Amino acid sequence: MMEINIYEGIMARLNVDKGIGAEISIVSNVDEAHYTREDRLKKIEMDSGDFESMYNLYSDNKVIATRLITSEVLELLARAKMFLGLDIRISIVNKKITLQIPMYDVISVNILKRDLDKELLIE
């Protein structure tokens, strides 16, 4: 039996040639209660008060997680949340990097119903 999940938002998955040797998940504090992967991962404390007030970082390898998730990444995620209201989720597992941006209360349904063309996507 095939399982079908419905996701309301934007999702991108990248398959990379080489794995990082760790599993990393970044989830918004809002989504944490609905997210189950952290059960086997440890919470990693980062040196960013803004980031930690909005997101949680989990990994099975603290060294790799802190090397990949730099202060610039933390700042970018914090700004996306503060200024755009986006709860971005990032997951790195094996050779797959997944980026999710839930669209609840973010984009008007009218915008989503329009036909998307290249100019709109490139802007």
C-alpha atoms as a PDB file:
ATOM      1  CA  MET A   1       0.000   0.000   0.000  1.00  0.00           C
ATOM      2  CA  MET A   2       1.349   3.414  -0.988  1.00  0.00           C
ATOM      3  CA  GLU A   3       1.350   6.237   1.542  1.00  0.00           C
ATOM      4  CA  ILE A   4       0.448   9.708   0.254  1.00  0.00           C
ATOM      5  CA  ASN A   5       1.346  12.831   2.224  1.00  0.00           C
ATOM      6  CA  ILE A   6      -0.122  16.202   1.399  1.00  0.00           C
ATOM      7  CA  TYR A   7       2.165  19.165   1.995  1.00  0.00           C
ATOM      8  CA  GLU A   8       0.985  22.764   1.712  1.00  0.00           C
ATOM      9  CA  GLY A   9       4.012  24.812   0.844  1.00  0.00           C
ATOM     10  CA  ILE A  10       7.202  24.917  -1.168  1.00  0.00           C
ATOM     11  CA  MET A  11       9.531  21.946  -0.992  1.00  0.00           C
ATOM     12  CA  ALA A  12      12.847  21.332  -2.703  1.00  0.00           C
ATOM     13  CA  ARG A  13      14.939  18.192  -2.463  1.00  0.00           C
ATOM     14  CA  LEU A  14      18.520  18.052  -3.662  1.00  0.00           C
ATOM     15  CA  ASN A  15      20.372  14.818  -4.209  1.00  0.00           C
ATOM     16  CA  VAL A  16      24.104  15.333  -3.750  1.00  0.00           C
ATOM     17  CA  ASP A  17      26.956  13.080  -4.846  1.00  0.00           C
ATOM     18  CA  LYS A  18      28.507  12.627  -1.433  1.00  0.00           C
ATOM     19  CA  GLY A  19      26.847  12.287   1.960  1.00  0.00           C
ATOM     20  CA  ILE A  20      28.002  14.324   4.965  1.00  0.00           C
ATOM     21  CA  GLY A  21      28.142  11.454   7.437  1.00  0.00           C
ATOM     22  CA  ALA A  22      25.515  12.987   9.696  1.00  0.00           C
ATOM     23  CA  GLU A  23      21.827  13.734   9.944  1.00  0.00           C
ATOM     24  CA  ILE A  24      20.799  17.336  10.580  1.00  0.00           C
ATOM     25  CA  SER A  25      17.342  18.826  11.088  1.00  0.00           C
ATOM     26  CA  ILE A  26      16.421  22.454  11.612  1.00  0.00           C
ATOM     27  CA  VAL A  27      12.818  23.029  12.624  1.00  0.00           C
ATOM     28  CA  SER A  28      10.870  26.045  13.749  1.00  0.00           C
ATOM     29  CA  ASN A  29       9.757  26.131  17.369  1.00  0.00           C
ATOM     30  CA  VAL A  30       6.207  26.260  15.967  1.00  0.00           C
ATOM     31  CA  ASP A  31       6.626  22.945  14.107  1.00  0.00           C
ATOM     32  CA  GLU A  32       8.616  21.099  16.741  1.00  0.00           C
ATOM     33  CA  ALA A  33       5.586  19.415  18.330  1.00  0.00           C
ATOM     34  CA  HIS A  34       4.599  17.922  14.964  1.00  0.00           C
ATOM     35  CA  TYR A  35       8.073  16.772  14.009  1.00  0.00           C
ATOM     36  CA  THR A  36       9.194  13.275  14.989  1.00  0.00           C
ATOM     37  CA  ARG A  37      12.749  12.914  13.660  1.00  0.00           C
ATOM     38  CA  GLU A  38      14.324  14.588  16.716  1.00  0.00           C
ATOM     39  CA  ASP A  39      13.538  11.508  18.809  1.00  0.00           C
ATOM     40  CA  ARG A  40      16.796   9.931  17.655  1.00  0.00           C
ATOM     41  CA  LEU A  41      18.795  13.148  17.262  1.00  0.00           C
ATOM     42  CA  LYS A  42      20.299  15.384  19.932  1.00  0.00           C
ATOM     43  CA  LYS A  43      19.511  19.067  20.249  1.00  0.00           C
ATOM     44  CA  ILE A  44      22.547  21.181  19.368  1.00  0.00           C
ATOM     45  CA  GLU A  45      22.954  24.522  21.138  1.00  0.00           C
ATOM     46  CA  MET A  46      24.142  27.318  18.858  1.00  0.00           C
ATOM     47  CA  ASP A  47      25.592  30.723  19.732  1.00  0.00           C
ATOM     48  CA  SER A  48      22.733  32.762  18.321  1.00  0.00           C
ATOM     49  CA  GLY A  49      19.993  34.019  20.592  1.00  0.00           C
ATOM     50  CA  ASP A  50      17.792  35.110  17.683  1.00  0.00           C
ATOM     51  CA  PHE A  51      18.053  31.706  15.991  1.00  0.00           C
ATOM     52  CA  GLU A  52      17.459  29.705  19.157  1.00  0.00           C
ATOM     53  CA  SER A  53      14.386  31.751  20.052  1.00  0.00           C
ATOM     54  CA  MET A  54      12.794  30.694  16.735  1.00  0.00           C
ATOM     55  CA  TYR A  55      14.392  27.400  15.675  1.00  0.00           C
ATOM     56  CA  ASN A  56      15.910  24.212  17.028  1.00  0.00           C
ATOM     57  CA  LEU A  57      18.843  22.367  15.491  1.00  0.00           C
ATOM     58  CA  TYR A  58      19.107  18.593  15.892  1.00  0.00           C
ATOM     59  CA  SER A  59      21.844  16.253  14.736  1.00  0.00           C
ATOM     60  CA  ASP A  60      23.534  12.959  15.443  1.00  0.00           C
ATOM     61  CA  ASN A  61      26.958  14.622  14.956  1.00  0.00           C
ATOM     62  CA  LYS A  62      27.583  17.971  16.683  1.00  0.00           C
ATOM     63  CA  VAL A  63      30.939  18.615  14.970  1.00  0.00           C
ATOM     64  CA  ILE A  64      29.581  18.244  11.436  1.00  0.00           C
ATOM     65  CA  ALA A  65      26.386  20.160  12.272  1.00  0.00           C
ATOM     66  CA  THR A  66      28.271  23.156  13.650  1.00  0.00           C
ATOM     67  CA  ARG A  67      30.631  23.188  10.653  1.00  0.00           C
ATOM     68  CA  LEU A  68      27.788  23.141   8.114  1.00  0.00           C
ATOM     69  CA  ILE A  69      25.285  25.355   9.906  1.00  0.00           C
ATOM     70  CA  THR A  70      27.408  28.481  10.177  1.00  0.00           C
ATOM     71  CA  SER A  71      26.556  31.800  11.810  1.00  0.00           C
ATOM     72  CA  GLU A  72      25.591  33.109   8.356  1.00  0.00           C
ATOM     73  CA  VAL A  73      23.025  30.308   7.956  1.00  0.00           C
ATOM     74  CA  LEU A  74      21.661  30.996  11.449  1.00  0.00           C
ATOM     75  CA  GLU A  75      21.323  34.695  10.672  1.00  0.00           C
ATOM     76  CA  LEU A  76      19.613  34.026   7.332  1.00  0.00           C
ATOM     77  CA  LEU A  77      17.039  31.723   8.939  1.00  0.00           C
ATOM     78  CA  ALA A  78      16.395  34.180  11.774  1.00  0.00           C
ATOM     79  CA  ARG A  79      15.889  37.050   9.309  1.00  0.00           C
ATOM     80  CA  ALA A  80      13.527  34.962   7.157  1.00  0.00           C
ATOM     81  CA  LYS A  81      11.419  34.317  10.230  1.00  0.00           C
ATOM     82  CA  MET A  82      11.535  37.888  11.600  1.00  0.00           C
ATOM     83  CA  PHE A  83      10.958  39.838   8.399  1.00  0.00           C
ATOM     84  CA  LEU A  84       9.046  37.421   6.160  1.00  0.00           C
ATOM     85  CA  GLY A  85       7.309  35.212   8.714  1.00  0.00           C
ATOM     86  CA  LEU A  86       8.663  32.048   7.074  1.00  0.00           C
ATOM     87  CA  ASP A  87       9.080  28.891   9.150  1.00  0.00           C
ATOM     88  CA  ILE A  88      11.811  27.217   7.125  1.00  0.00           C
ATOM     89  CA  ARG A  89      12.638  23.556   7.721  1.00  0.00           C
ATOM     90  CA  ILE A  90      15.918  22.043   6.583  1.00  0.00           C
ATOM     91  CA  SER A  91      16.764  18.370   6.703  1.00  0.00           C
ATOM     92  CA  ILE A  92      19.986  16.684   5.632  1.00  0.00           C
ATOM     93  CA  VAL A  93      19.852  12.894   5.578  1.00  0.00           C
ATOM     94  CA  ASN A  94      22.393  10.753   3.750  1.00  0.00           C
ATOM     95  CA  LYS A  95      22.724  12.317   0.279  1.00  0.00           C
ATOM     96  CA  LYS A  96      19.451  14.277   0.389  1.00  0.00           C
ATOM     97  CA  ILE A  97      18.997  17.898   1.412  1.00  0.00           C
ATOM     98  CA  THR A  98      15.380  18.935   1.864  1.00  0.00           C
ATOM     99  CA  LEU A  99      14.161  22.522   2.227  1.00  0.00           C
ATOM    100  CA  GLN A 100      10.540  23.144   3.182  1.00  0.00           C
ATOM    101  CA  ILE A 101       8.677  26.417   3.502  1.00  0.00           C
ATOM    102  CA  PRO A 102       5.129  25.886   4.792  1.00  0.00           C
ATOM    103  CA  MET A 103       2.684  28.271   3.202  1.00  0.00           C
ATOM    104  CA  TYR A 104       0.016  28.489   5.879  1.00  0.00           C
ATOM    105  CA  ASP A 105      -0.822  32.162   6.345  1.00  0.00           C
ATOM    106  CA  VAL A 106       2.110  33.255   4.132  1.00  0.00           C
ATOM    107  CA  ILE A 107       0.988  33.368   0.501  1.00  0.00           C
ATOM    108  CA  SER A 108      -2.467  34.324  -0.631  1.00  0.00           C
ATOM    109  CA  VAL A 109      -4.433  31.587  -2.362  1.00  0.00           C
ATOM    110  CA  ASN A 110      -5.038  34.010  -5.247  1.00  0.00           C
ATOM    111  CA  ILE A 111      -1.315  34.181  -5.958  1.00  0.00           C
ATOM    112  CA  LEU A 112      -1.029  30.403  -5.975  1.00  0.00           C
ATOM    113  CA  LYS A 113      -3.917  30.067  -8.438  1.00  0.00           C
ATOM    114  CA  ARG A 114      -2.216  32.229 -11.078  1.00  0.00           C
ATOM    115  CA  ASP A 115      -0.236  30.569 -13.807  1.00  0.00           C
ATOM    116  CA  LEU A 116       3.440  30.765 -12.930  1.00  0.00           C
ATOM    117  CA  ASP A 117       5.748  31.845 -15.715  1.00  0.00           C
ATOM    118  CA  LYS A 118       9.532  32.083 -15.896  1.00  0.00           C
ATOM    119  CA  GLU A 119       9.627  35.815 -15.149  1.00  0.00           C
ATOM    120  CA  LEU A 120       7.653  35.350 -11.942  1.00  0.00           C
ATOM    121  CA  LEU A 121       9.826  32.444 -10.830  1.00  0.00           C
ATOM    122  CA  ILE A 122      13.115  34.212 -11.552  1.00  0.00           C
ATOM    123  CA  GLU A 123      12.283  37.429  -9.657  1.00  0.00           C
END
